[in-house]
Protein backbone atom coordinates (compact mmCIF):
# COMPACT_ATOMS: atom_id res chain seq x y z
CA MET A 1 -0.09 -0.06 -0.03
CA ILE A 2 2.75 2.44 0.90
CA LEU A 3 4.75 1.44 -2.11
CA ASN A 4 1.78 2.16 -4.50
CA ARG A 5 1.23 5.51 -2.76
CA GLN A 6 5.04 6.34 -3.47
CA ILE A 7 4.76 5.36 -7.02
CA LEU A 8 1.48 7.50 -7.52
CA PHE A 9 3.30 10.46 -5.92
CA GLY A 10 6.42 9.95 -8.12
CA GLN A 11 4.06 9.85 -11.21
CA ARG A 12 2.49 13.07 -10.17
CA ILE A 13 5.83 14.71 -9.70
CA LEU A 14 6.96 13.56 -13.09
CA PHE A 15 3.68 14.85 -14.65
CA VAL A 16 3.97 18.23 -13.01
CA ALA A 17 7.76 18.62 -14.06
CA ALA A 18 6.80 17.64 -17.75
CA ALA A 19 3.96 20.30 -17.64
CA LEU A 20 6.34 23.00 -16.39
CA PHE A 21 9.03 22.03 -19.00
CA PHE A 22 6.55 22.30 -21.88
CA VAL A 23 5.08 25.67 -20.50
CA ASN A 24 8.66 27.03 -20.22
CA ALA A 25 9.63 25.87 -23.53
CA SER A 26 6.48 27.40 -25.21
CA PHE A 27 7.19 30.73 -23.27
CA ALA A 28 10.73 30.73 -24.23
CA PHE A 29 10.19 30.94 -27.96
CA ALA A 30 6.92 32.92 -28.04
CA HIS A 31 9.19 35.83 -28.48
CA GLU A 32 12.02 36.22 -30.81
CA ARG A 33 15.45 36.11 -29.10
CA GLU A 34 18.66 37.39 -30.32
CA VAL A 35 22.05 37.99 -28.65
CA ILE A 36 23.51 40.94 -30.37
CA ASN A 37 26.94 42.52 -29.89
CA VAL A 38 26.92 46.34 -29.52
CA GLY A 39 30.29 47.92 -28.99
CA GLY A 40 31.87 44.72 -27.66
CA THR A 41 29.21 43.86 -25.24
CA ASP A 42 26.64 41.06 -25.72
CA TYR A 43 22.93 41.81 -25.20
CA LEU A 44 20.12 39.36 -25.27
CA PHE A 45 16.92 41.00 -26.82
CA VAL A 46 13.53 39.29 -26.05
CA VAL A 47 11.17 40.71 -28.54
CA GLY A 48 7.29 39.97 -28.99
CA SER A 49 3.90 41.63 -28.88
CA LEU A 50 1.76 42.16 -26.11
CA ASN A 51 -1.55 40.37 -25.80
CA GLU A 52 -0.87 37.76 -28.39
CA PRO A 53 -2.26 36.70 -30.71
CA VAL A 54 -2.20 40.11 -32.01
CA VAL A 55 -5.80 41.11 -33.45
CA VAL A 56 -6.79 44.05 -35.77
CA GLY A 57 -8.27 46.79 -33.58
CA ASP A 58 -7.21 45.33 -30.36
CA LYS A 59 -4.50 46.74 -27.86
CA THR A 60 -0.99 45.51 -28.38
CA GLY A 61 2.51 46.83 -28.47
CA ILE A 62 6.15 45.76 -28.21
CA ASP A 63 6.98 43.59 -25.36
CA LEU A 64 10.76 44.17 -25.05
CA ARG A 65 13.23 42.54 -22.43
CA VAL A 66 16.85 43.31 -22.62
CA TYR A 67 19.67 41.40 -20.57
CA ILE A 68 23.34 41.03 -20.29
CA PRO A 69 23.33 37.17 -21.03
CA ASP A 70 24.93 34.43 -19.09
CA PRO A 71 27.95 33.45 -21.07
CA LYS A 72 27.24 29.76 -20.38
CA ASP A 73 23.73 30.02 -21.68
CA ILE A 74 23.54 33.08 -23.81
CA GLY A 75 19.92 32.51 -25.20
CA ASN A 76 18.36 31.78 -21.75
CA SER A 77 16.77 34.91 -20.01
CA SER A 78 16.42 32.75 -16.85
CA ALA A 79 19.94 31.65 -16.65
CA THR A 80 21.78 32.00 -13.44
CA ASN A 81 24.00 34.86 -14.29
CA THR A 82 21.67 36.70 -16.60
CA LYS A 83 21.26 40.30 -15.66
CA PRO A 84 18.55 42.86 -16.67
CA VAL A 85 19.59 46.13 -18.44
CA LEU A 86 17.83 49.05 -16.66
CA GLY A 87 16.85 52.45 -17.63
CA LEU A 88 16.44 51.81 -21.55
CA GLU A 89 13.12 53.68 -21.56
CA LYS A 90 15.52 56.84 -21.32
CA THR A 91 17.78 55.80 -24.19
CA LEU A 92 15.86 53.76 -26.70
CA LYS A 93 13.07 54.65 -29.16
CA ILE A 94 10.58 52.26 -31.01
CA GLU A 95 9.31 52.73 -34.53
CA ASN A 96 6.75 50.62 -35.88
CA ILE A 97 7.23 49.97 -39.78
CA SER A 98 4.58 48.56 -42.05
CA GLY A 99 5.20 48.83 -45.73
CA SER A 100 5.98 52.42 -46.45
CA LYS A 101 4.29 53.67 -43.26
CA SER A 102 6.05 54.12 -40.01
CA LYS A 103 5.35 55.73 -36.61
CA GLU A 104 7.28 56.17 -33.46
CA PHE A 105 5.84 55.20 -30.00
CA PRO A 106 7.15 56.06 -26.49
CA LEU A 107 8.85 53.29 -24.78
CA GLU A 108 7.93 52.73 -21.15
CA ALA A 109 9.40 50.55 -18.44
CA SER A 110 7.06 47.65 -17.38
CA TRP A 111 5.89 48.13 -13.95
CA GLY A 112 7.62 45.55 -11.53
CA LYS A 113 9.74 43.88 -14.17
CA GLU A 114 13.31 44.74 -14.34
CA GLY A 115 14.68 45.07 -17.95
CA SER A 116 11.12 44.98 -19.45
CA TYR A 117 9.77 47.62 -21.52
CA GLN A 118 6.65 48.13 -23.68
CA THR A 119 4.75 50.36 -26.04
CA VAL A 120 1.03 50.54 -26.91
CA PHE A 121 -0.62 50.79 -30.36
CA TYR A 122 -3.78 49.37 -31.94
CA PRO A 123 -3.06 47.60 -35.37
CA SER A 124 -5.40 48.96 -38.12
CA SER A 125 -4.75 46.10 -40.74
CA ALA A 126 -3.54 42.65 -40.72
CA ASP A 127 -0.43 43.47 -42.72
CA ASP A 128 3.03 42.47 -41.54
CA PHE A 129 5.01 44.81 -39.47
CA SER A 130 8.34 45.45 -37.81
CA TYR A 131 9.72 46.94 -34.49
CA ARG A 132 12.78 49.06 -35.10
CA ILE A 133 14.82 49.72 -31.92
CA PHE A 134 17.26 52.52 -32.03
CA GLY A 135 18.96 55.00 -29.86
CA THR A 136 21.85 54.00 -27.40
CA ILE A 137 22.63 51.18 -24.95
CA GLY A 138 25.57 51.22 -22.72
CA GLY A 139 26.69 54.43 -24.38
CA LYS A 140 26.77 53.00 -27.75
CA ASN A 141 24.59 53.60 -30.77
CA ILE A 142 22.18 50.86 -31.69
CA ASP A 143 19.84 50.42 -34.70
CA ILE A 144 18.17 46.91 -35.11
CA THR A 145 14.77 45.71 -36.42
CA PHE A 146 12.47 42.70 -35.52
CA THR A 147 9.89 41.67 -38.04
CA CYS A 148 6.67 39.57 -37.15
CA ASN A 149 6.42 36.04 -38.65
CA GLU A 150 3.12 35.00 -40.52
CA ALA A 151 3.63 31.50 -39.23
CA GLY A 152 3.39 32.75 -35.69
CA HIS A 153 5.68 31.24 -33.00
CA VAL A 154 8.36 29.30 -34.62
CA MET A 155 9.78 27.51 -31.72
CA ALA A 156 12.96 25.91 -33.11
CA ALA A 157 16.30 27.51 -32.42
CA MET A 158 18.22 28.78 -35.43
CA THR A 159 21.52 27.29 -36.32
CA THR A 160 24.62 29.10 -37.58
CA ASP A 161 23.39 28.02 -41.23
CA THR A 162 19.94 29.40 -40.86
CA MET A 163 20.13 32.42 -38.62
CA GLN A 164 20.77 35.97 -39.81
CA MET A 165 24.35 36.71 -38.93
CA ASN A 166 23.63 40.52 -38.59
CA ASN A 167 20.92 42.67 -37.44
CA GLY A 168 21.50 45.97 -39.19
CA ASN A 169 25.30 46.44 -38.75
CA PHE A 170 25.40 44.42 -35.50
CA PRO A 171 26.57 40.82 -35.22
CA VAL A 172 24.18 38.30 -34.21
CA LYS A 173 25.44 35.44 -31.92
CA PHE A 174 22.19 33.50 -31.21
CA GLN A 175 18.69 33.58 -32.50
CA ALA A 176 15.55 31.59 -31.81
CA GLY A 177 11.71 31.94 -31.93
CA SER A 178 9.53 34.52 -33.39
CA PHE A 179 6.34 36.54 -32.94
CA GLY A 180 3.15 36.59 -34.90
CA CYS A 181 1.71 39.08 -37.30
CA PRO A 182 -1.72 40.83 -36.73
CA LYS A 183 -4.79 38.71 -37.50
CA ASP A 184 -8.29 39.69 -38.73
CA LYS A 185 -10.78 39.74 -35.96
CA ALA A 186 -13.26 37.69 -37.91
CA GLU A 187 -10.86 34.67 -37.26
CA TYR A 188 -11.63 34.79 -33.55
CA MET A 189 -15.26 35.79 -33.45
CA PHE A 190 -17.67 33.47 -31.58
CA PRO A 191 -20.31 32.44 -32.07
CA SER A 192 -20.75 33.70 -35.77
CA SER A 193 -19.88 37.20 -36.70
CA THR A 194 -23.13 37.15 -38.85
CA THR A 195 -26.06 38.69 -36.84
CA SER A 196 -29.66 37.73 -37.49
CA TRP A 197 -32.49 40.37 -38.20
CA THR A 198 -34.02 39.40 -34.82
CA SER A 199 -30.93 40.29 -32.78
CA ILE A 200 -30.51 43.47 -34.74
CA ILE A 201 -34.01 44.46 -34.04
CA MET A 202 -33.83 43.56 -30.36
CA ASN A 203 -30.25 45.04 -29.93
CA ASN A 204 -31.26 48.46 -31.55
CA ASN A 205 -34.76 48.62 -29.94
CA LEU A 206 -36.17 48.85 -33.46
CA PHE A 207 -39.02 46.43 -32.38
CA GLY A 208 -40.42 49.05 -29.84
CA ILE A 209 -40.02 51.82 -32.42
CA ILE A 210 -41.97 49.96 -35.01
CA ALA A 211 -44.67 49.18 -32.57
CA LEU A 212 -44.82 52.73 -31.54
CA VAL A 213 -45.19 53.79 -35.17
CA LEU A 214 -48.04 51.26 -35.69
CA VAL A 215 -49.79 52.59 -32.69
CA LEU A 216 -49.68 56.12 -33.70
CA GLY A 217 -50.79 55.13 -37.23
CA PHE A 218 -53.69 53.46 -35.74
CA ILE A 219 -54.70 56.45 -33.63
CA VAL A 220 -54.56 58.79 -36.51
CA GLN A 221 -56.50 56.52 -38.74
CA ASN A 222 -59.09 56.15 -36.02
CA LYS A 223 -59.45 59.86 -35.81
CA LYS A 224 -60.07 60.22 -39.43
CA THR A 225 -62.64 57.64 -39.33
CA ARG A 226 -64.63 59.36 -36.62
CA LYS A 227 -64.64 62.58 -38.66
């Protein structure tokens, strides 16, 4: 009996550990990660969008985290010796780019999260877009760009054969993950986005208006008949 309980307890522990592993793995690559060398210093940039999946008309923005990476595990923002980079809301700017259109948005530090920053915008179309990050970091100029992926979150880490070796003029030492492009709101509507005439009438109080018009018409007609 005791042995069976121990086995059951062990199975539960393994199940929880496996679940945590997959959750962490999914989270790790839900954003794009690049280790970029700027002026001789390596920085781990973790870039994605707020409130993914990004839907046209809904609130989103850049979700940016910047670290000095652990030399033993440069792509892991949770590694033992990884350190957040603070104060970048004062030195970096964010520009959204979609086709020939572009617009700057103020970068703000995320409350309670060291090394984490964000902007806010509302996508007006399902077109691809990029986040351009520029300004200074560690006293050095930087100008890099991260572009959404139509395939969504590609979780596989890039190899030296498949990853881009530079972001702008800056060497890339590690690259993994991606973030999705905006989607049409119709893809996420439930139940159907088609509305029946009954619901239109009820939702807009048209039924009451029609009834009132009929009553008034009846009263007017009745007065004419009496005359």
